[in-house]
Amino acid sequence: MEPLPDYLSTNKELWNKRTGVHVRSDFYDLPGFLDGKNSLKEIELQLLETVQDKQILHLQCHFGQDTLSLARMGATVTGVDLSDAAITLANELAIQSGLEKKARFVCCDVYSAPNHLDGVFDTVFTSYGTIGWLPDLDKWAAVVNHFLKPGGSFVMADFHPVIWMFDDNIKEIIYSYFNTQTIVEETTGTYTDGGSDIRHTSYSWNHPLSEIVSSLTAQGLQLRVFQEFDYSPYNCFSNTIEKDGRFYIRGMEGKLPMVYAFKFFKPL
């Protein structure tokens, strides 16, 4: 195994920088959200089903729009994120939205969450651009299991690992599908604004579907739903075309998996 870099502090600084750009972006549409728009997408909403009166843990929540959307739907939600800038903003948005009694936020990395948070939850949730920042999925799955009460569900939607094999223009395969090494990049801009002046190192890891599923089933969780989609609900990739709010890679429509979604059950 290669030595693990100091990825936490480096990636935390990156996401602190990104938060300042993201909150002002059309991508996140903060005015629309504060006006009542639900930020969750159809893919995860179908798997989450009814959230009324449920206790939900949202891992890697960024600045909390999805967390607060769940609270608006009647859940009591805890959001966890590495970025202190994002968590500060999330707490501000909770107050602005009148949801401070339904949502709380904790700043820590995923692996250390059991040291910062007590209790178990009906649902653990994570979505879109999350586990690629984590080197060890066995540790991640153990955290999911730790917080999930018996009879509870883990719901996840994320970008398909096939997408992460490509270069930024989705033209050439340059990365392995498999988790073979740390991916070190000097990033410029961000997915909401490619022209922003953010320049920073990032550390990430590709995880094949087999690794993701195996890490969770090794914890005793049972796979109930597995879905793949040929579109992204977000316009965060290059060279896309839109059809009815769904974004496809131009020239690869219907040919390339872009998102997957899981629902796991923890036995009683």
C-alpha atoms as a PDB file:
ATOM      1  CA  MET A   1       0.000   0.000   0.000  1.00  0.00           C
ATOM      2  CA  GLU A   2       1.206   3.499  -0.822  1.00  0.00           C
ATOM      3  CA  PRO A   3       1.607   5.881   2.139  1.00  0.00           C
ATOM      4  CA  LEU A   4      -1.536   7.934   2.700  1.00  0.00           C
ATOM      5  CA  PRO A   5      -1.037  11.673   2.109  1.00  0.00           C
ATOM      6  CA  ASP A   6      -2.310  14.382   4.458  1.00  0.00           C
ATOM      7  CA  TYR A   7      -5.501  14.453   2.465  1.00  0.00           C
ATOM      8  CA  LEU A   8      -7.873  15.669   5.191  1.00  0.00           C
ATOM      9  CA  SER A   9      -6.354  19.104   5.766  1.00  0.00           C
ATOM     10  CA  THR A  10      -5.692  19.618   2.054  1.00  0.00           C
ATOM     11  CA  ASN A  11      -9.200  18.649   0.965  1.00  0.00           C
ATOM     12  CA  LYS A  12     -10.747  20.613   3.829  1.00  0.00           C
ATOM     13  CA  GLU A  13      -9.000  23.762   2.621  1.00  0.00           C
ATOM     14  CA  LEU A  14     -10.190  23.054  -0.925  1.00  0.00           C
ATOM     15  CA  TRP A  15     -13.822  22.693   0.172  1.00  0.00           C
ATOM     16  CA  ASN A  16     -13.613  25.797   2.335  1.00  0.00           C
ATOM     17  CA  LYS A  17     -12.590  27.712  -0.781  1.00  0.00           C
ATOM     18  CA  ARG A  18     -15.291  26.078  -2.878  1.00  0.00           C
ATOM     19  CA  THR A  19     -18.021  26.864  -0.375  1.00  0.00           C
ATOM     20  CA  GLY A  20     -17.526  30.603  -0.862  1.00  0.00           C
ATOM     21  CA  VAL A  21     -17.986  30.207  -4.623  1.00  0.00           C
ATOM     22  CA  HIS A  22     -20.791  27.626  -4.475  1.00  0.00           C
ATOM     23  CA  VAL A  23     -23.062  29.669  -2.240  1.00  0.00           C
ATOM     24  CA  ARG A  24     -23.132  32.459  -4.856  1.00  0.00           C
ATOM     25  CA  SER A  25     -23.617  30.147  -7.840  1.00  0.00           C
ATOM     26  CA  ASP A  26     -26.661  29.563 -10.018  1.00  0.00           C
ATOM     27  CA  PHE A  27     -25.874  25.856  -9.635  1.00  0.00           C
ATOM     28  CA  TYR A  28     -27.001  25.859  -5.989  1.00  0.00           C
ATOM     29  CA  ASP A  29     -29.640  28.586  -6.485  1.00  0.00           C
ATOM     30  CA  LEU A  30     -29.609  29.760  -2.880  1.00  0.00           C
ATOM     31  CA  PRO A  31     -32.392  32.355  -3.414  1.00  0.00           C
ATOM     32  CA  GLY A  32     -34.657  29.625  -4.794  1.00  0.00           C
ATOM     33  CA  PHE A  33     -33.808  27.334  -1.912  1.00  0.00           C
ATOM     34  CA  LEU A  34     -34.555  30.019   0.689  1.00  0.00           C
ATOM     35  CA  ASP A  35     -37.842  30.603  -1.116  1.00  0.00           C
ATOM     36  CA  GLY A  36     -38.811  26.956  -0.492  1.00  0.00           C
ATOM     37  CA  LYS A  37     -37.319  24.987  -3.392  1.00  0.00           C
ATOM     38  CA  ASN A  38     -36.475  21.362  -2.533  1.00  0.00           C
ATOM     39  CA  SER A  39     -32.867  20.654  -3.555  1.00  0.00           C
ATOM     40  CA  LEU A  40     -33.237  16.844  -3.550  1.00  0.00           C
ATOM     41  CA  LYS A  41     -33.532  15.034  -6.860  1.00  0.00           C
ATOM     42  CA  GLU A  42     -36.021  12.426  -8.084  1.00  0.00           C
ATOM     43  CA  ILE A  43     -33.487   9.582  -7.876  1.00  0.00           C
ATOM     44  CA  GLU A  44     -32.876   9.861  -4.142  1.00  0.00           C
ATOM     45  CA  LEU A  45     -36.409  10.980  -3.283  1.00  0.00           C
ATOM     46  CA  GLN A  46     -37.806   7.715  -4.635  1.00  0.00           C
ATOM     47  CA  LEU A  47     -35.415   5.694  -2.467  1.00  0.00           C
ATOM     48  CA  LEU A  48     -35.894   7.824   0.644  1.00  0.00           C
ATOM     49  CA  GLU A  49     -39.663   7.465   0.329  1.00  0.00           C
ATOM     50  CA  THR A  50     -41.503   8.901   3.357  1.00  0.00           C
ATOM     51  CA  VAL A  51     -39.207  10.848   5.685  1.00  0.00           C
ATOM     52  CA  GLN A  52     -41.868  12.354   7.947  1.00  0.00           C
ATOM     53  CA  ASP A  53     -40.867  11.989  11.620  1.00  0.00           C
ATOM     54  CA  LYS A  54     -37.718  10.012  10.755  1.00  0.00           C
ATOM     55  CA  GLN A  55     -34.293  10.580  12.268  1.00  0.00           C
ATOM     56  CA  ILE A  56     -31.826  10.973   9.372  1.00  0.00           C
ATOM     57  CA  LEU A  57     -28.038  11.286   9.298  1.00  0.00           C
ATOM     58  CA  HIS A  58     -26.689  13.020   6.198  1.00  0.00           C
ATOM     59  CA  LEU A  59     -22.990  12.305   5.650  1.00  0.00           C
ATOM     60  CA  GLN A  60     -20.846  14.769   3.658  1.00  0.00           C
ATOM     61  CA  CYS A  61     -23.663  17.291   3.480  1.00  0.00           C
ATOM     62  CA  HIS A  62     -21.680  20.286   2.091  1.00  0.00           C
ATOM     63  CA  PHE A  63     -23.520  23.446   3.207  1.00  0.00           C
ATOM     64  CA  GLY A  64     -26.714  21.635   4.015  1.00  0.00           C
ATOM     65  CA  GLN A  65     -29.296  22.331   1.324  1.00  0.00           C
ATOM     66  CA  ASP A  66     -30.291  18.665   1.001  1.00  0.00           C
ATOM     67  CA  THR A  67     -30.167  18.263   4.784  1.00  0.00           C
ATOM     68  CA  LEU A  68     -32.525  21.179   5.233  1.00  0.00           C
ATOM     69  CA  SER A  69     -34.753  19.946   2.417  1.00  0.00           C
ATOM     70  CA  LEU A  70     -35.212  16.719   4.379  1.00  0.00           C
ATOM     71  CA  ALA A  71     -36.069  18.781   7.462  1.00  0.00           C
ATOM     72  CA  ARG A  72     -38.669  20.695   5.456  1.00  0.00           C
ATOM     73  CA  MET A  73     -40.182  17.339   4.523  1.00  0.00           C
ATOM     74  CA  GLY A  74     -40.682  16.497   8.198  1.00  0.00           C
ATOM     75  CA  ALA A  75     -37.516  14.666   9.196  1.00  0.00           C
ATOM     76  CA  THR A  76     -35.179  15.494  12.044  1.00  0.00           C
ATOM     77  CA  VAL A  77     -31.772  15.615  10.399  1.00  0.00           C
ATOM     78  CA  THR A  78     -28.109  15.752  11.354  1.00  0.00           C
ATOM     79  CA  GLY A  79     -25.623  16.851   8.683  1.00  0.00           C
ATOM     80  CA  VAL A  80     -21.907  16.054   8.853  1.00  0.00           C
ATOM     81  CA  ASP A  81     -19.199  17.649   6.737  1.00  0.00           C
ATOM     82  CA  LEU A  82     -15.435  18.152   6.766  1.00  0.00           C
ATOM     83  CA  SER A  83     -15.537  21.848   5.817  1.00  0.00           C
ATOM     84  CA  ASP A  84     -15.976  24.267   8.710  1.00  0.00           C
ATOM     85  CA  ALA A  85     -16.913  27.009   6.239  1.00  0.00           C
ATOM     86  CA  ALA A  86     -19.704  24.807   4.886  1.00  0.00           C
ATOM     87  CA  ILE A  87     -20.979  23.902   8.352  1.00  0.00           C
ATOM     88  CA  THR A  88     -20.981  27.547   9.437  1.00  0.00           C
ATOM     89  CA  LEU A  89     -23.049  28.395   6.371  1.00  0.00           C
ATOM     90  CA  ALA A  90     -25.368  25.417   6.963  1.00  0.00           C
ATOM     91  CA  ASN A  91     -26.138  26.632  10.467  1.00  0.00           C
ATOM     92  CA  GLU A  92     -26.875  30.109   9.121  1.00  0.00           C
ATOM     93  CA  LEU A  93     -29.230  28.659   6.492  1.00  0.00           C
ATOM     94  CA  ALA A  94     -31.018  26.577   9.141  1.00  0.00           C
ATOM     95  CA  ILE A  95     -31.788  29.763  11.077  1.00  0.00           C
ATOM     96  CA  GLN A  96     -32.819  31.683   7.941  1.00  0.00           C
ATOM     97  CA  SER A  97     -35.126  28.795   6.976  1.00  0.00           C
ATOM     98  CA  GLY A  98     -36.613  28.471  10.465  1.00  0.00           C
ATOM     99  CA  LEU A  99     -35.346  24.885  10.675  1.00  0.00           C
ATOM    100  CA  GLU A 100     -32.802  25.179  13.482  1.00  0.00           C
ATOM    101  CA  LYS A 101     -34.938  22.880  15.683  1.00  0.00           C
ATOM    102  CA  LYS A 102     -35.199  20.219  12.951  1.00  0.00           C
ATOM    103  CA  ALA A 103     -31.615  20.222  11.661  1.00  0.00           C
ATOM    104  CA  ARG A 104     -28.207  20.315  13.309  1.00  0.00           C
ATOM    105  CA  PHE A 105     -24.749  20.238  11.776  1.00  0.00           C
ATOM    106  CA  VAL A 106     -21.480  18.702  12.932  1.00  0.00           C
ATOM    107  CA  CYS A 107     -18.060  19.560  11.497  1.00  0.00           C
ATOM    108  CA  CYS A 108     -15.816  16.501  11.260  1.00  0.00           C
ATOM    109  CA  ASP A 109     -14.526  14.004   8.745  1.00  0.00           C
ATOM    110  CA  VAL A 110     -16.647  10.920   8.135  1.00  0.00           C
ATOM    111  CA  TYR A 111     -14.267   8.481   9.801  1.00  0.00           C
ATOM    112  CA  SER A 112     -14.233  10.404  13.082  1.00  0.00           C
ATOM    113  CA  ALA A 113     -18.000  11.014  13.186  1.00  0.00           C
ATOM    114  CA  PRO A 114     -18.541   8.398  15.957  1.00  0.00           C
ATOM    115  CA  ASN A 115     -16.276  10.537  18.160  1.00  0.00           C
ATOM    116  CA  HIS A 116     -18.414  13.626  17.593  1.00  0.00           C
ATOM    117  CA  LEU A 117     -21.950  12.293  17.428  1.00  0.00           C
ATOM    118  CA  ASP A 118     -24.093   9.953  19.536  1.00  0.00           C
ATOM    119  CA  GLY A 119     -27.184   7.940  18.731  1.00  0.00           C
ATOM    120  CA  VAL A 120     -28.576   5.898  15.870  1.00  0.00           C
ATOM    121  CA  PHE A 121     -30.798   6.861  12.980  1.00  0.00           C
ATOM    122  CA  ASP A 122     -33.684   5.497  10.930  1.00  0.00           C
ATOM    123  CA  THR A 123     -31.872   6.456   7.733  1.00  0.00           C
ATOM    124  CA  VAL A 124     -28.286   7.251   6.805  1.00  0.00           C
ATOM    125  CA  PHE A 125     -28.013   9.190   3.557  1.00  0.00           C
ATOM    126  CA  THR A 126     -25.230  10.405   1.267  1.00  0.00           C
ATOM    127  CA  SER A 127     -25.240  11.666  -2.293  1.00  0.00           C
ATOM    128  CA  TYR A 128     -23.285  12.951  -5.293  1.00  0.00           C
ATOM    129  CA  GLY A 129     -19.547  13.392  -5.116  1.00  0.00           C
ATOM    130  CA  THR A 130     -18.942  11.935  -1.671  1.00  0.00           C
ATOM    131  CA  ILE A 131     -16.977   8.694  -1.363  1.00  0.00           C
ATOM    132  CA  GLY A 132     -14.417   9.685  -3.985  1.00  0.00           C
ATOM    133  CA  TRP A 133     -12.851  11.802  -1.233  1.00  0.00           C
ATOM    134  CA  LEU A 134     -12.415   8.765   1.036  1.00  0.00           C
ATOM    135  CA  PRO A 135      -9.498   6.329   0.725  1.00  0.00           C
ATOM    136  CA  ASP A 136     -10.924   3.423   2.763  1.00  0.00           C
ATOM    137  CA  LEU A 137     -14.487   2.264   2.142  1.00  0.00           C
ATOM    138  CA  ASP A 138     -14.354  -0.449   4.792  1.00  0.00           C
ATOM    139  CA  LYS A 139     -13.932   2.279   7.424  1.00  0.00           C
ATOM    140  CA  TRP A 140     -16.691   4.315   5.771  1.00  0.00           C
ATOM    141  CA  ALA A 141     -19.114   1.374   5.726  1.00  0.00           C
ATOM    142  CA  ALA A 142     -18.376   0.715   9.407  1.00  0.00           C
ATOM    143  CA  VAL A 143     -19.425   4.306  10.173  1.00  0.00           C
ATOM    144  CA  VAL A 144     -22.641   3.871   8.185  1.00  0.00           C
ATOM    145  CA  ASN A 145     -23.431   0.683  10.093  1.00  0.00           C
ATOM    146  CA  HIS A 146     -22.491   2.281  13.428  1.00  0.00           C
ATOM    147  CA  PHE A 147     -25.146   4.979  13.062  1.00  0.00           C
ATOM    148  CA  LEU A 148     -27.895   2.896  11.446  1.00  0.00           C
ATOM    149  CA  LYS A 149     -30.479   1.419  13.794  1.00  0.00           C
ATOM    150  CA  PRO A 150     -31.701  -2.166  13.198  1.00  0.00           C
ATOM    151  CA  GLY A 151     -34.503  -2.028  10.653  1.00  0.00           C
ATOM    152  CA  GLY A 152     -33.099   1.180   9.211  1.00  0.00           C
ATOM    153  CA  SER A 153     -32.012   1.984   5.660  1.00  0.00           C
ATOM    154  CA  PHE A 154     -28.900   3.396   4.042  1.00  0.00           C
ATOM    155  CA  VAL A 155     -29.675   5.413   0.908  1.00  0.00           C
ATOM    156  CA  MET A 156     -26.987   6.557  -1.490  1.00  0.00           C
ATOM    157  CA  ALA A 157     -26.936   8.190  -4.915  1.00  0.00           C
ATOM    158  CA  ASP A 158     -23.668   9.146  -6.547  1.00  0.00           C
ATOM    159  CA  PHE A 159     -21.954   9.678  -9.855  1.00  0.00           C
ATOM    160  CA  HIS A 160     -21.035   6.420 -11.523  1.00  0.00           C
ATOM    161  CA  PRO A 161     -17.397   5.321 -11.186  1.00  0.00           C
ATOM    162  CA  VAL A 162     -17.202   4.917 -14.967  1.00  0.00           C
ATOM    163  CA  ILE A 163     -17.522   8.717 -15.281  1.00  0.00           C
ATOM    164  CA  TRP A 164     -14.475   9.239 -13.070  1.00  0.00           C
ATOM    165  CA  MET A 165     -12.299   7.303 -15.537  1.00  0.00           C
ATOM    166  CA  PHE A 166     -12.486  10.151 -18.062  1.00  0.00           C
ATOM    167  CA  ASP A 167     -10.595  13.399 -18.415  1.00  0.00           C
ATOM    168  CA  ASP A 168     -12.395  16.673 -17.641  1.00  0.00           C
ATOM    169  CA  ASN A 169     -13.731  16.918 -21.190  1.00  0.00           C
ATOM    170  CA  ILE A 170     -15.166  13.352 -21.115  1.00  0.00           C
ATOM    171  CA  LYS A 171     -13.161  12.501 -24.207  1.00  0.00           C
ATOM    172  CA  GLU A 172     -10.395  10.147 -23.073  1.00  0.00           C
ATOM    173  CA  ILE A 173     -10.051   7.479 -20.390  1.00  0.00           C
ATOM    174  CA  ILE A 174      -7.083   8.425 -18.207  1.00  0.00           C
ATOM    175  CA  TYR A 175      -7.868   6.892 -14.788  1.00  0.00           C
ATOM    176  CA  SER A 176      -8.358   3.310 -13.675  1.00  0.00           C
ATOM    177  CA  TYR A 177     -11.858   2.122 -12.851  1.00  0.00           C
ATOM    178  CA  PHE A 178     -10.339   0.365  -9.860  1.00  0.00           C
ATOM    179  CA  ASN A 179      -9.019   1.834  -6.613  1.00  0.00           C
ATOM    180  CA  THR A 180      -5.366   1.382  -7.458  1.00  0.00           C
ATOM    181  CA  GLN A 181      -3.832   4.665  -6.321  1.00  0.00           C
ATOM    182  CA  THR A 182      -4.378   8.103  -4.867  1.00  0.00           C
ATOM    183  CA  ILE A 183      -5.397  10.597  -7.547  1.00  0.00           C
ATOM    184  CA  VAL A 184      -3.516  13.846  -6.967  1.00  0.00           C
ATOM    185  CA  GLU A 185      -4.717  16.812  -9.001  1.00  0.00           C
ATOM    186  CA  GLU A 186      -4.013  20.510  -9.149  1.00  0.00           C
ATOM    187  CA  THR A 187      -7.562  21.724  -9.547  1.00  0.00           C
ATOM    188  CA  THR A 188      -8.582  24.984 -11.170  1.00  0.00           C
ATOM    189  CA  GLY A 189     -12.064  26.414 -10.714  1.00  0.00           C
ATOM    190  CA  THR A 190     -14.935  24.304  -9.448  1.00  0.00           C
ATOM    191  CA  TYR A 191     -17.891  22.427 -10.914  1.00  0.00           C
ATOM    192  CA  THR A 192     -20.190  25.410 -10.393  1.00  0.00           C
ATOM    193  CA  ASP A 193     -17.803  27.884 -11.985  1.00  0.00           C
ATOM    194  CA  GLY A 194     -14.917  26.637 -14.089  1.00  0.00           C
ATOM    195  CA  GLY A 195     -13.639  30.190 -14.462  1.00  0.00           C
ATOM    196  CA  SER A 196     -13.266  30.908 -10.754  1.00  0.00           C
ATOM    197  CA  ASP A 197      -9.792  31.641  -9.403  1.00  0.00           C
ATOM    198  CA  ILE A 198      -9.709  28.640  -7.043  1.00  0.00           C
ATOM    199  CA  ARG A 199      -6.434  26.761  -7.448  1.00  0.00           C
ATOM    200  CA  HIS A 200      -5.687  23.984  -5.027  1.00  0.00           C
ATOM    201  CA  THR A 201      -4.375  20.438  -4.690  1.00  0.00           C
ATOM    202  CA  SER A 202      -6.933  17.679  -4.208  1.00  0.00           C
ATOM    203  CA  TYR A 203      -6.677  14.029  -3.197  1.00  0.00           C
ATOM    204  CA  SER A 204      -9.293  11.539  -4.321  1.00  0.00           C
ATOM    205  CA  TRP A 205      -9.858   7.842  -5.011  1.00  0.00           C
ATOM    206  CA  ASN A 206     -11.874   5.898  -7.560  1.00  0.00           C
ATOM    207  CA  HIS A 207     -14.056   3.135  -6.123  1.00  0.00           C
ATOM    208  CA  PRO A 208     -15.579   0.446  -8.365  1.00  0.00           C
ATOM    209  CA  LEU A 209     -19.132  -0.686  -7.664  1.00  0.00           C
ATOM    210  CA  SER A 210     -17.852  -4.031  -6.385  1.00  0.00           C
ATOM    211  CA  GLU A 211     -15.793  -2.284  -3.691  1.00  0.00           C
ATOM    212  CA  ILE A 212     -18.716  -0.111  -2.619  1.00  0.00           C
ATOM    213  CA  VAL A 213     -21.203  -2.977  -2.364  1.00  0.00           C
ATOM    214  CA  SER A 214     -18.745  -5.364  -0.722  1.00  0.00           C
ATOM    215  CA  SER A 215     -17.793  -2.840   1.971  1.00  0.00           C
ATOM    216  CA  LEU A 216     -21.438  -2.469   2.982  1.00  0.00           C
ATOM    217  CA  THR A 217     -22.432  -6.127   2.798  1.00  0.00           C
ATOM    218  CA  ALA A 218     -19.378  -6.997   4.919  1.00  0.00           C
ATOM    219  CA  GLN A 219     -21.091  -4.972   7.664  1.00  0.00           C
ATOM    220  CA  GLY A 220     -24.159  -7.197   7.388  1.00  0.00           C
ATOM    221  CA  LEU A 221     -26.241  -4.680   5.446  1.00  0.00           C
ATOM    222  CA  GLN A 222     -28.562  -6.141   2.816  1.00  0.00           C
ATOM    223  CA  LEU A 223     -28.851  -4.652  -0.668  1.00  0.00           C
ATOM    224  CA  ARG A 224     -32.505  -4.031  -1.503  1.00  0.00           C
ATOM    225  CA  VAL A 225     -32.309  -1.666  -4.499  1.00  0.00           C
ATOM    226  CA  PHE A 226     -29.563  -1.067  -7.056  1.00  0.00           C
ATOM    227  CA  GLN A 227     -30.136   1.312  -9.959  1.00  0.00           C
ATOM    228  CA  GLU A 228     -28.022   2.837 -12.746  1.00  0.00           C
ATOM    229  CA  PHE A 229     -28.922   5.871 -14.833  1.00  0.00           C
ATOM    230  CA  ASP A 230     -27.677   7.186 -18.175  1.00  0.00           C
ATOM    231  CA  TYR A 231     -28.009  10.823 -17.110  1.00  0.00           C
ATOM    232  CA  SER A 232     -26.985  13.219 -14.353  1.00  0.00           C
ATOM    233  CA  PRO A 233     -29.541  15.364 -12.527  1.00  0.00           C
ATOM    234  CA  TYR A 234     -26.811  18.003 -12.229  1.00  0.00           C
ATOM    235  CA  ASN A 235     -25.055  19.883 -15.016  1.00  0.00           C
ATOM    236  CA  CYS A 236     -21.595  19.454 -13.506  1.00  0.00           C
ATOM    237  CA  PHE A 237     -19.756  17.719 -16.362  1.00  0.00           C
ATOM    238  CA  SER A 238     -18.300  19.068 -19.580  1.00  0.00           C
ATOM    239  CA  ASN A 239     -19.815  18.545 -23.013  1.00  0.00           C
ATOM    240  CA  THR A 240     -23.379  17.868 -21.867  1.00  0.00           C
ATOM    241  CA  ILE A 241     -26.775  18.300 -23.456  1.00  0.00           C
ATOM    242  CA  GLU A 242     -30.015  18.719 -21.519  1.00  0.00           C
ATOM    243  CA  LYS A 243     -33.337  17.014 -22.019  1.00  0.00           C
ATOM    244  CA  ASP A 244     -36.142  17.613 -19.538  1.00  0.00           C
ATOM    245  CA  GLY A 245     -33.782  18.527 -16.713  1.00  0.00           C
ATOM    246  CA  ARG A 246     -31.511  15.544 -17.302  1.00  0.00           C
ATOM    247  CA  PHE A 247     -27.948  15.987 -18.496  1.00  0.00           C
ATOM    248  CA  TYR A 248     -26.269  13.585 -20.928  1.00  0.00           C
ATOM    249  CA  ILE A 249     -22.753  13.464 -22.320  1.00  0.00           C
ATOM    250  CA  ARG A 250     -23.026  14.688 -25.895  1.00  0.00           C
ATOM    251  CA  GLY A 251     -22.596  11.833 -28.353  1.00  0.00           C
ATOM    252  CA  MET A 252     -22.945   9.199 -25.599  1.00  0.00           C
ATOM    253  CA  GLU A 253     -26.632   9.602 -24.827  1.00  0.00           C
ATOM    254  CA  GLY A 254     -28.036   6.323 -23.558  1.00  0.00           C
ATOM    255  CA  LYS A 255     -24.631   4.624 -23.730  1.00  0.00           C
ATOM    256  CA  LEU A 256     -22.788   5.754 -20.599  1.00  0.00           C
ATOM    257  CA  PRO A 257     -23.776   5.180 -16.951  1.00  0.00           C
ATOM    258  CA  MET A 258     -23.620   8.500 -15.137  1.00  0.00           C
ATOM    259  CA  VAL A 259     -25.305   7.869 -11.776  1.00  0.00           C
ATOM    260  CA  TYR A 260     -26.015   4.868  -9.569  1.00  0.00           C
ATOM    261  CA  ALA A 261     -28.232   4.560  -6.500  1.00  0.00           C
ATOM    262  CA  PHE A 262     -28.452   2.037  -3.667  1.00  0.00           C
ATOM    263  CA  LYS A 263     -30.777   1.226  -0.816  1.00  0.00           C
ATOM    264  CA  PHE A 264     -29.464  -1.086   1.889  1.00  0.00           C
ATOM    265  CA  PHE A 265     -31.388  -2.513   4.858  1.00  0.00           C
ATOM    266  CA  LYS A 266     -29.994  -3.280   8.306  1.00  0.00           C
ATOM    267  CA  PRO A 267     -31.600  -6.475   9.658  1.00  0.00           C
ATOM    268  CA  LEU A 268     -33.398  -6.418  12.983  1.00  0.00           C
END
